[in-house]
Amino acid sequence: MRRRRLGADSDESGEVNLTPMLDVVFIMLIFFIVTTSFIKESGVEIDRPESSDASPRPDAQVMVAITPEGAVWVDGEAVDAHRVGGRVADLVSGDGGVVIQADRDATTGLLIEVMDRIREAGVEQVAVAANRGTP
């Protein structure tokens, strides 16, 4: 009788309990989801101008890109410059901000027009992106 008990105990100790490992993996998954930033990119490569006074804007929700050819991109798709305000206003929620990434060779007139259209649509926080350069 004694042998049966020893044999039963050795079978139980050979199993690996996976519950603590699954708990740790689940907690890590939650951590990575919470710490990920969800910024909508403009979808176009832009050569930004340099500025010695550039500062990061972590509160930006939407990126608008202006290419050197004069195309305006919002959320990965081309948008007419006259309709950019409505499109951006649909994507911005609450106190969210918009960052305009104008290419170095884009016209200033188009940049000002896009900024005006976005502000007319009710978005107050509009910034222009620049790379930090040396003074």
C-alpha atoms as a PDB file:
ATOM      1  CA  MET A   1       0.000   0.000   0.000  1.00  0.00           C
ATOM      2  CA  ARG A   2       2.810   2.307   0.789  1.00  0.00           C
ATOM      3  CA  ARG A   3       4.311   1.896  -2.678  1.00  0.00           C
ATOM      4  CA  ARG A   4       1.152   3.052  -4.379  1.00  0.00           C
ATOM      5  CA  ARG A   5       1.170   6.330  -2.489  1.00  0.00           C
ATOM      6  CA  LEU A   6       4.776   7.050  -3.372  1.00  0.00           C
ATOM      7  CA  GLY A   7       4.085   6.303  -7.022  1.00  0.00           C
ATOM      8  CA  ALA A   8       1.048   8.599  -7.077  1.00  0.00           C
ATOM      9  CA  ASP A   9       3.002  11.449  -5.471  1.00  0.00           C
ATOM     10  CA  SER A  10       5.821  11.213  -8.001  1.00  0.00           C
ATOM     11  CA  ASP A  11       3.357  11.447 -10.936  1.00  0.00           C
ATOM     12  CA  GLU A  12       1.847  14.664  -9.591  1.00  0.00           C
ATOM     13  CA  SER A  13       5.205  16.372  -9.039  1.00  0.00           C
ATOM     14  CA  GLY A  14       6.214  15.749 -12.678  1.00  0.00           C
ATOM     15  CA  GLU A  15       3.570  18.158 -14.060  1.00  0.00           C
ATOM     16  CA  VAL A  16       4.415  21.790 -14.767  1.00  0.00           C
ATOM     17  CA  ASN A  17       1.940  24.419 -13.645  1.00  0.00           C
ATOM     18  CA  LEU A  18       1.564  26.975 -16.495  1.00  0.00           C
ATOM     19  CA  THR A  19      -0.850  29.313 -14.715  1.00  0.00           C
ATOM     20  CA  PRO A  20       1.791  31.732 -13.301  1.00  0.00           C
ATOM     21  CA  MET A  21       3.511  31.977 -16.682  1.00  0.00           C
ATOM     22  CA  LEU A  22       0.217  32.759 -18.434  1.00  0.00           C
ATOM     23  CA  ASP A  23      -0.549  35.414 -15.814  1.00  0.00           C
ATOM     24  CA  VAL A  24       2.802  37.125 -16.443  1.00  0.00           C
ATOM     25  CA  VAL A  25       2.332  37.009 -20.234  1.00  0.00           C
ATOM     26  CA  PHE A  26      -1.165  38.476 -19.913  1.00  0.00           C
ATOM     27  CA  ILE A  27       0.087  41.324 -17.679  1.00  0.00           C
ATOM     28  CA  MET A  28       2.900  42.085 -20.160  1.00  0.00           C
ATOM     29  CA  LEU A  29       0.368  42.187 -23.010  1.00  0.00           C
ATOM     30  CA  ILE A  30      -1.770  44.692 -21.111  1.00  0.00           C
ATOM     31  CA  PHE A  31       1.316  46.805 -20.353  1.00  0.00           C
ATOM     32  CA  PHE A  32       2.354  46.970 -24.020  1.00  0.00           C
ATOM     33  CA  ILE A  33      -1.168  47.824 -25.189  1.00  0.00           C
ATOM     34  CA  VAL A  34      -1.506  50.637 -22.654  1.00  0.00           C
ATOM     35  CA  THR A  35       1.911  52.173 -23.373  1.00  0.00           C
ATOM     36  CA  THR A  36       1.529  52.155 -27.160  1.00  0.00           C
ATOM     37  CA  SER A  37       0.774  55.533 -28.682  1.00  0.00           C
ATOM     38  CA  PHE A  38      -1.997  55.657 -31.234  1.00  0.00           C
ATOM     39  CA  ILE A  39      -1.105  58.484 -33.621  1.00  0.00           C
ATOM     40  CA  LYS A  40      -2.527  58.468 -37.090  1.00  0.00           C
ATOM     41  CA  GLU A  41       0.290  59.018 -39.554  1.00  0.00           C
ATOM     42  CA  SER A  42      -0.042  61.040 -42.715  1.00  0.00           C
ATOM     43  CA  GLY A  43       1.150  58.194 -44.949  1.00  0.00           C
ATOM     44  CA  VAL A  44       3.742  60.117 -47.019  1.00  0.00           C
ATOM     45  CA  GLU A  45       7.489  60.638 -46.607  1.00  0.00           C
ATOM     46  CA  ILE A  46       8.190  64.314 -45.949  1.00  0.00           C
ATOM     47  CA  ASP A  47      11.521  66.183 -45.800  1.00  0.00           C
ATOM     48  CA  ARG A  48      10.794  68.559 -42.914  1.00  0.00           C
ATOM     49  CA  PRO A  49      12.595  71.879 -42.535  1.00  0.00           C
ATOM     50  CA  GLU A  50      14.939  72.398 -39.589  1.00  0.00           C
ATOM     51  CA  SER A  51      14.361  74.708 -36.649  1.00  0.00           C
ATOM     52  CA  SER A  52      16.472  75.449 -33.580  1.00  0.00           C
ATOM     53  CA  ASP A  53      13.310  75.965 -31.497  1.00  0.00           C
ATOM     54  CA  ALA A  54      11.431  72.760 -32.422  1.00  0.00           C
ATOM     55  CA  SER A  55       9.704  71.032 -29.498  1.00  0.00           C
ATOM     56  CA  PRO A  56       7.844  67.698 -29.353  1.00  0.00           C
ATOM     57  CA  ARG A  57       4.025  67.621 -29.426  1.00  0.00           C
ATOM     58  CA  PRO A  58       2.855  64.404 -27.751  1.00  0.00           C
ATOM     59  CA  ASP A  59      -0.835  65.439 -27.796  1.00  0.00           C
ATOM     60  CA  ALA A  60      -1.216  65.400 -31.591  1.00  0.00           C
ATOM     61  CA  GLN A  61      -3.913  63.045 -32.849  1.00  0.00           C
ATOM     62  CA  VAL A  62      -3.813  63.620 -36.608  1.00  0.00           C
ATOM     63  CA  MET A  63      -0.912  64.204 -38.985  1.00  0.00           C
ATOM     64  CA  VAL A  64      -1.454  66.130 -42.216  1.00  0.00           C
ATOM     65  CA  ALA A  65       1.261  65.990 -44.880  1.00  0.00           C
ATOM     66  CA  ILE A  66       1.914  68.427 -47.725  1.00  0.00           C
ATOM     67  CA  THR A  67       4.150  67.085 -50.492  1.00  0.00           C
ATOM     68  CA  PRO A  68       6.432  69.208 -52.701  1.00  0.00           C
ATOM     69  CA  GLU A  69       3.996  68.649 -55.583  1.00  0.00           C
ATOM     70  CA  GLY A  70       1.167  70.290 -53.612  1.00  0.00           C
ATOM     71  CA  ALA A  71      -0.760  67.159 -52.626  1.00  0.00           C
ATOM     72  CA  VAL A  72      -2.355  67.078 -49.172  1.00  0.00           C
ATOM     73  CA  TRP A  73      -2.486  63.736 -47.341  1.00  0.00           C
ATOM     74  CA  VAL A  74      -4.555  62.912 -44.244  1.00  0.00           C
ATOM     75  CA  ASP A  75      -4.596  59.487 -42.624  1.00  0.00           C
ATOM     76  CA  GLY A  76      -2.877  57.796 -45.566  1.00  0.00           C
ATOM     77  CA  GLU A  77      -5.094  59.129 -48.331  1.00  0.00           C
ATOM     78  CA  ALA A  78      -4.949  62.155 -50.597  1.00  0.00           C
ATOM     79  CA  VAL A  79      -7.434  64.920 -49.809  1.00  0.00           C
ATOM     80  CA  ASP A  80      -8.337  68.070 -51.709  1.00  0.00           C
ATOM     81  CA  ALA A  81      -6.913  71.174 -50.028  1.00  0.00           C
ATOM     82  CA  HIS A  82     -10.391  72.752 -49.899  1.00  0.00           C
ATOM     83  CA  ARG A  83     -11.864  69.746 -48.062  1.00  0.00           C
ATOM     84  CA  VAL A  84      -9.015  69.064 -45.630  1.00  0.00           C
ATOM     85  CA  GLY A  85     -10.721  70.909 -42.753  1.00  0.00           C
ATOM     86  CA  GLY A  86     -13.792  68.692 -42.691  1.00  0.00           C
ATOM     87  CA  ARG A  87     -11.737  65.518 -43.018  1.00  0.00           C
ATOM     88  CA  VAL A  88      -9.432  66.488 -40.142  1.00  0.00           C
ATOM     89  CA  ALA A  89     -12.345  67.643 -37.960  1.00  0.00           C
ATOM     90  CA  ASP A  90     -13.917  64.176 -38.340  1.00  0.00           C
ATOM     91  CA  LEU A  91     -10.714  62.511 -37.082  1.00  0.00           C
ATOM     92  CA  VAL A  92      -9.941  64.847 -34.156  1.00  0.00           C
ATOM     93  CA  SER A  93     -11.813  64.251 -30.919  1.00  0.00           C
ATOM     94  CA  GLY A  94     -12.170  66.710 -28.075  1.00  0.00           C
ATOM     95  CA  ASP A  95      -9.024  68.682 -27.311  1.00  0.00           C
ATOM     96  CA  GLY A  96      -6.848  66.761 -29.767  1.00  0.00           C
ATOM     97  CA  GLY A  97      -4.323  68.552 -31.922  1.00  0.00           C
ATOM     98  CA  VAL A  98      -3.177  68.443 -35.524  1.00  0.00           C
ATOM     99  CA  VAL A  99       0.407  68.524 -36.767  1.00  0.00           C
ATOM    100  CA  ILE A 100       1.045  69.615 -40.345  1.00  0.00           C
ATOM    101  CA  GLN A 101       4.150  68.096 -41.918  1.00  0.00           C
ATOM    102  CA  ALA A 102       4.955  70.385 -44.821  1.00  0.00           C
ATOM    103  CA  ASP A 103       7.831  69.357 -47.071  1.00  0.00           C
ATOM    104  CA  ARG A 104      10.785  71.697 -47.292  1.00  0.00           C
ATOM    105  CA  ASP A 105       9.949  72.380 -50.970  1.00  0.00           C
ATOM    106  CA  ALA A 106       6.167  72.829 -50.477  1.00  0.00           C
ATOM    107  CA  THR A 107       4.722  76.302 -51.072  1.00  0.00           C
ATOM    108  CA  THR A 108       4.011  78.470 -48.079  1.00  0.00           C
ATOM    109  CA  GLY A 109       0.694  79.555 -49.585  1.00  0.00           C
ATOM    110  CA  LEU A 110      -0.621  75.985 -49.545  1.00  0.00           C
ATOM    111  CA  LEU A 111       0.558  75.522 -45.961  1.00  0.00           C
ATOM    112  CA  ILE A 112      -1.297  78.655 -44.841  1.00  0.00           C
ATOM    113  CA  GLU A 113      -4.417  77.600 -46.759  1.00  0.00           C
ATOM    114  CA  VAL A 114      -4.421  74.156 -45.120  1.00  0.00           C
ATOM    115  CA  MET A 115      -3.949  75.727 -41.670  1.00  0.00           C
ATOM    116  CA  ASP A 116      -6.839  78.121 -42.300  1.00  0.00           C
ATOM    117  CA  ARG A 117      -9.153  75.311 -43.484  1.00  0.00           C
ATOM    118  CA  ILE A 118      -8.357  73.247 -40.384  1.00  0.00           C
ATOM    119  CA  ARG A 119      -8.979  76.169 -38.035  1.00  0.00           C
ATOM    120  CA  GLU A 120     -12.228  77.061 -39.842  1.00  0.00           C
ATOM    121  CA  ALA A 121     -13.386  73.482 -39.194  1.00  0.00           C
ATOM    122  CA  GLY A 122     -13.093  74.082 -35.441  1.00  0.00           C
ATOM    123  CA  VAL A 123      -9.693  72.578 -34.624  1.00  0.00           C
ATOM    124  CA  GLU A 124      -7.790  75.053 -32.450  1.00  0.00           C
ATOM    125  CA  GLN A 125      -4.508  73.220 -31.817  1.00  0.00           C
ATOM    126  CA  VAL A 126      -2.588  73.273 -35.107  1.00  0.00           C
ATOM    127  CA  ALA A 127       1.211  72.998 -35.274  1.00  0.00           C
ATOM    128  CA  VAL A 128       3.778  72.753 -38.067  1.00  0.00           C
ATOM    129  CA  ALA A 129       6.370  69.961 -37.785  1.00  0.00           C
ATOM    130  CA  ALA A 130      10.092  70.654 -38.053  1.00  0.00           C
ATOM    131  CA  ASN A 131      13.291  68.762 -37.317  1.00  0.00           C
ATOM    132  CA  ARG A 132      15.448  70.072 -34.479  1.00  0.00           C
ATOM    133  CA  GLY A 133      18.573  71.599 -35.979  1.00  0.00           C
ATOM    134  CA  THR A 134      21.550  73.544 -34.726  1.00  0.00           C
ATOM    135  CA  PRO A 135      21.185  77.326 -34.433  1.00  0.00           C
END
